[in-house]
Amino acid sequence: MYPLEKRELVAEAPGLRMQILTLAEGQEVPWHWHSEVTDTFWCMDGPMVIETRAPNTVTVLQPGQMHAVPPHTAHRVTGQDGGRARFAILQGVGTYDFKPVG
């Protein structure tokens, strides 16, 4: 797994997981994709940046804003300009996997 300042598991059930992730300055959730689950992000402290490939997008979330990344979409998450970010992530519905992008 990749380094994070903090990872808090809020709830987990078959096919669904909710976590709160904190990225320290310079940390990221590296490029990856999921076979089944949608990642739904809710920015708590930010701003935070969600980048995707195919389609290539850059989404900046301010605290209180949400964004979903569907299955089979490569994405990564950072704090804006490499800064600190804290966000909730709801992952589901389906079997969780983490497919790194080289």
C-alpha atoms as a PDB file:
ATOM      1  CA  MET A   1       0.000   0.000   0.000  1.00  0.00           C
ATOM      2  CA  TYR A   2       1.040   3.646  -0.266  1.00  0.00           C
ATOM      3  CA  PRO A   3       2.014   5.945   2.661  1.00  0.00           C
ATOM      4  CA  LEU A   4      -0.641   8.190   4.207  1.00  0.00           C
ATOM      5  CA  GLU A   5      -0.636  10.491   7.214  1.00  0.00           C
ATOM      6  CA  LYS A   6      -3.751   8.700   8.469  1.00  0.00           C
ATOM      7  CA  ARG A   7      -6.284   6.083   7.368  1.00  0.00           C
ATOM      8  CA  GLU A   8      -9.525   5.686   9.355  1.00  0.00           C
ATOM      9  CA  LEU A   9     -11.957   2.878   8.552  1.00  0.00           C
ATOM     10  CA  VAL A  10     -15.467   4.210   9.248  1.00  0.00           C
ATOM     11  CA  ALA A  11     -17.533   1.241   8.069  1.00  0.00           C
ATOM     12  CA  GLU A  12     -17.142  -1.900   5.997  1.00  0.00           C
ATOM     13  CA  ALA A  13     -19.681  -4.414   4.760  1.00  0.00           C
ATOM     14  CA  PRO A  14     -19.689  -6.833   1.841  1.00  0.00           C
ATOM     15  CA  GLY A  15     -19.423  -4.704  -1.292  1.00  0.00           C
ATOM     16  CA  LEU A  16     -19.116  -1.343   0.490  1.00  0.00           C
ATOM     17  CA  ARG A  17     -16.415   0.509   2.433  1.00  0.00           C
ATOM     18  CA  MET A  18     -16.144   4.025   3.924  1.00  0.00           C
ATOM     19  CA  GLN A  19     -12.795   5.499   4.995  1.00  0.00           C
ATOM     20  CA  ILE A  20     -11.337   8.869   5.901  1.00  0.00           C
ATOM     21  CA  LEU A  21      -7.883   9.417   4.396  1.00  0.00           C
ATOM     22  CA  THR A  22      -5.445  12.180   5.290  1.00  0.00           C
ATOM     23  CA  LEU A  23      -2.629  13.054   2.895  1.00  0.00           C
ATOM     24  CA  ALA A  24       0.347  14.892   4.368  1.00  0.00           C
ATOM     25  CA  GLU A  25       2.166  17.429   2.202  1.00  0.00           C
ATOM     26  CA  GLY A  26       3.682  15.668  -0.806  1.00  0.00           C
ATOM     27  CA  GLN A  27       1.666  12.444  -0.365  1.00  0.00           C
ATOM     28  CA  GLU A  28      -0.763  11.027  -2.922  1.00  0.00           C
ATOM     29  CA  VAL A  29      -3.073   8.162  -3.663  1.00  0.00           C
ATOM     30  CA  PRO A  30      -1.131   6.930  -6.717  1.00  0.00           C
ATOM     31  CA  TRP A  31      -2.563   6.163 -10.145  1.00  0.00           C
ATOM     32  CA  HIS A  32      -4.850   3.145 -10.018  1.00  0.00           C
ATOM     33  CA  TRP A  33      -8.267   1.852 -11.079  1.00  0.00           C
ATOM     34  CA  HIS A  34     -10.952  -0.505  -9.770  1.00  0.00           C
ATOM     35  CA  SER A  35     -12.761  -3.348 -11.558  1.00  0.00           C
ATOM     36  CA  GLU A  36     -16.161  -2.929  -9.876  1.00  0.00           C
ATOM     37  CA  VAL A  37     -16.320  -0.130  -7.306  1.00  0.00           C
ATOM     38  CA  THR A  38     -16.990   3.566  -7.756  1.00  0.00           C
ATOM     39  CA  ASP A  39     -14.858   5.854  -5.579  1.00  0.00           C
ATOM     40  CA  THR A  40     -16.987   8.703  -4.237  1.00  0.00           C
ATOM     41  CA  PHE A  41     -14.846  11.432  -2.647  1.00  0.00           C
ATOM     42  CA  TRP A  42     -16.024  14.066  -0.160  1.00  0.00           C
ATOM     43  CA  CYS A  43     -13.447  16.772   0.594  1.00  0.00           C
ATOM     44  CA  MET A  44     -13.216  17.552   4.315  1.00  0.00           C
ATOM     45  CA  ASP A  45     -10.000  19.647   4.363  1.00  0.00           C
ATOM     46  CA  GLY A  46      -8.443  20.795   1.158  1.00  0.00           C
ATOM     47  CA  PRO A  47      -8.475  21.721  -1.549  1.00  0.00           C
ATOM     48  CA  MET A  48      -7.820  18.318  -3.083  1.00  0.00           C
ATOM     49  CA  VAL A  49      -7.262  17.260  -6.681  1.00  0.00           C
ATOM     50  CA  ILE A  50      -8.620  14.169  -8.446  1.00  0.00           C
ATOM     51  CA  GLU A  51      -7.033  13.426 -11.823  1.00  0.00           C
ATOM     52  CA  THR A  52      -8.388  10.828 -14.248  1.00  0.00           C
ATOM     53  CA  ARG A  53      -7.246   9.268 -17.503  1.00  0.00           C
ATOM     54  CA  ALA A  54      -9.580   8.243 -20.331  1.00  0.00           C
ATOM     55  CA  PRO A  55     -11.131  10.710 -20.003  1.00  0.00           C
ATOM     56  CA  ASN A  56      -8.324  13.048 -18.940  1.00  0.00           C
ATOM     57  CA  THR A  57      -9.788  15.352 -16.302  1.00  0.00           C
ATOM     58  CA  VAL A  58      -8.603  17.398 -13.338  1.00  0.00           C
ATOM     59  CA  THR A  59     -11.204  18.054 -10.643  1.00  0.00           C
ATOM     60  CA  VAL A  60     -10.436  20.366  -7.724  1.00  0.00           C
ATOM     61  CA  LEU A  61     -12.663  19.888  -4.673  1.00  0.00           C
ATOM     62  CA  GLN A  62     -13.113  22.431  -1.908  1.00  0.00           C
ATOM     63  CA  PRO A  63     -14.297  21.331   1.558  1.00  0.00           C
ATOM     64  CA  GLY A  64     -17.867  20.068   1.329  1.00  0.00           C
ATOM     65  CA  GLN A  65     -17.709  19.184  -2.380  1.00  0.00           C
ATOM     66  CA  MET A  66     -18.067  15.654  -3.766  1.00  0.00           C
ATOM     67  CA  HIS A  67     -16.945  13.818  -6.899  1.00  0.00           C
ATOM     68  CA  ALA A  68     -17.330  10.210  -8.087  1.00  0.00           C
ATOM     69  CA  VAL A  69     -14.900   8.190 -10.212  1.00  0.00           C
ATOM     70  CA  PRO A  70     -16.540   5.160 -11.880  1.00  0.00           C
ATOM     71  CA  PRO A  71     -15.010   1.689 -12.260  1.00  0.00           C
ATOM     72  CA  HIS A  72     -12.358   1.154 -14.961  1.00  0.00           C
ATOM     73  CA  THR A  73     -11.242   4.808 -14.757  1.00  0.00           C
ATOM     74  CA  ALA A  74      -7.590   5.365 -13.816  1.00  0.00           C
ATOM     75  CA  HIS A  75      -7.259   8.077 -11.173  1.00  0.00           C
ATOM     76  CA  ARG A  76      -4.995   9.588  -8.528  1.00  0.00           C
ATOM     77  CA  VAL A  77      -5.609  11.955  -5.626  1.00  0.00           C
ATOM     78  CA  THR A  78      -3.387  14.714  -4.213  1.00  0.00           C
ATOM     79  CA  GLY A  79      -3.675  17.847  -2.163  1.00  0.00           C
ATOM     80  CA  GLN A  80      -3.673  20.940  -4.370  1.00  0.00           C
ATOM     81  CA  ASP A  81      -0.078  21.992  -5.149  1.00  0.00           C
ATOM     82  CA  GLY A  82       1.146  19.010  -3.099  1.00  0.00           C
ATOM     83  CA  GLY A  83      -0.515  20.308   0.066  1.00  0.00           C
ATOM     84  CA  ARG A  84      -2.297  18.464   2.843  1.00  0.00           C
ATOM     85  CA  ALA A  85      -5.795  17.083   2.232  1.00  0.00           C
ATOM     86  CA  ARG A  86      -8.349  15.092   4.211  1.00  0.00           C
ATOM     87  CA  PHE A  87     -11.312  13.373   2.598  1.00  0.00           C
ATOM     88  CA  ALA A  88     -13.922  10.691   3.042  1.00  0.00           C
ATOM     89  CA  ILE A  89     -14.097   7.998   0.392  1.00  0.00           C
ATOM     90  CA  LEU A  90     -17.046   5.688  -0.163  1.00  0.00           C
ATOM     91  CA  GLN A  91     -16.116   2.636  -2.232  1.00  0.00           C
ATOM     92  CA  GLY A  92     -18.810   0.428  -3.693  1.00  0.00           C
ATOM     93  CA  VAL A  93     -20.880  -1.295  -4.703  1.00  0.00           C
ATOM     94  CA  GLY A  94     -18.876  -4.396  -5.534  1.00  0.00           C
ATOM     95  CA  THR A  95     -15.684  -6.238  -4.713  1.00  0.00           C
ATOM     96  CA  TYR A  96     -12.823  -3.850  -3.887  1.00  0.00           C
ATOM     97  CA  ASP A  97      -9.529  -4.138  -5.734  1.00  0.00           C
ATOM     98  CA  PHE A  98      -6.628  -1.757  -6.349  1.00  0.00           C
ATOM     99  CA  LYS A  99      -5.082  -2.028  -9.823  1.00  0.00           C
ATOM    100  CA  PRO A 100      -1.905   0.105 -10.045  1.00  0.00           C
ATOM    101  CA  VAL A 101      -1.247   2.008 -13.271  1.00  0.00           C
ATOM    102  CA  GLY A 102       2.355   1.860 -14.463  1.00  0.00           C
END
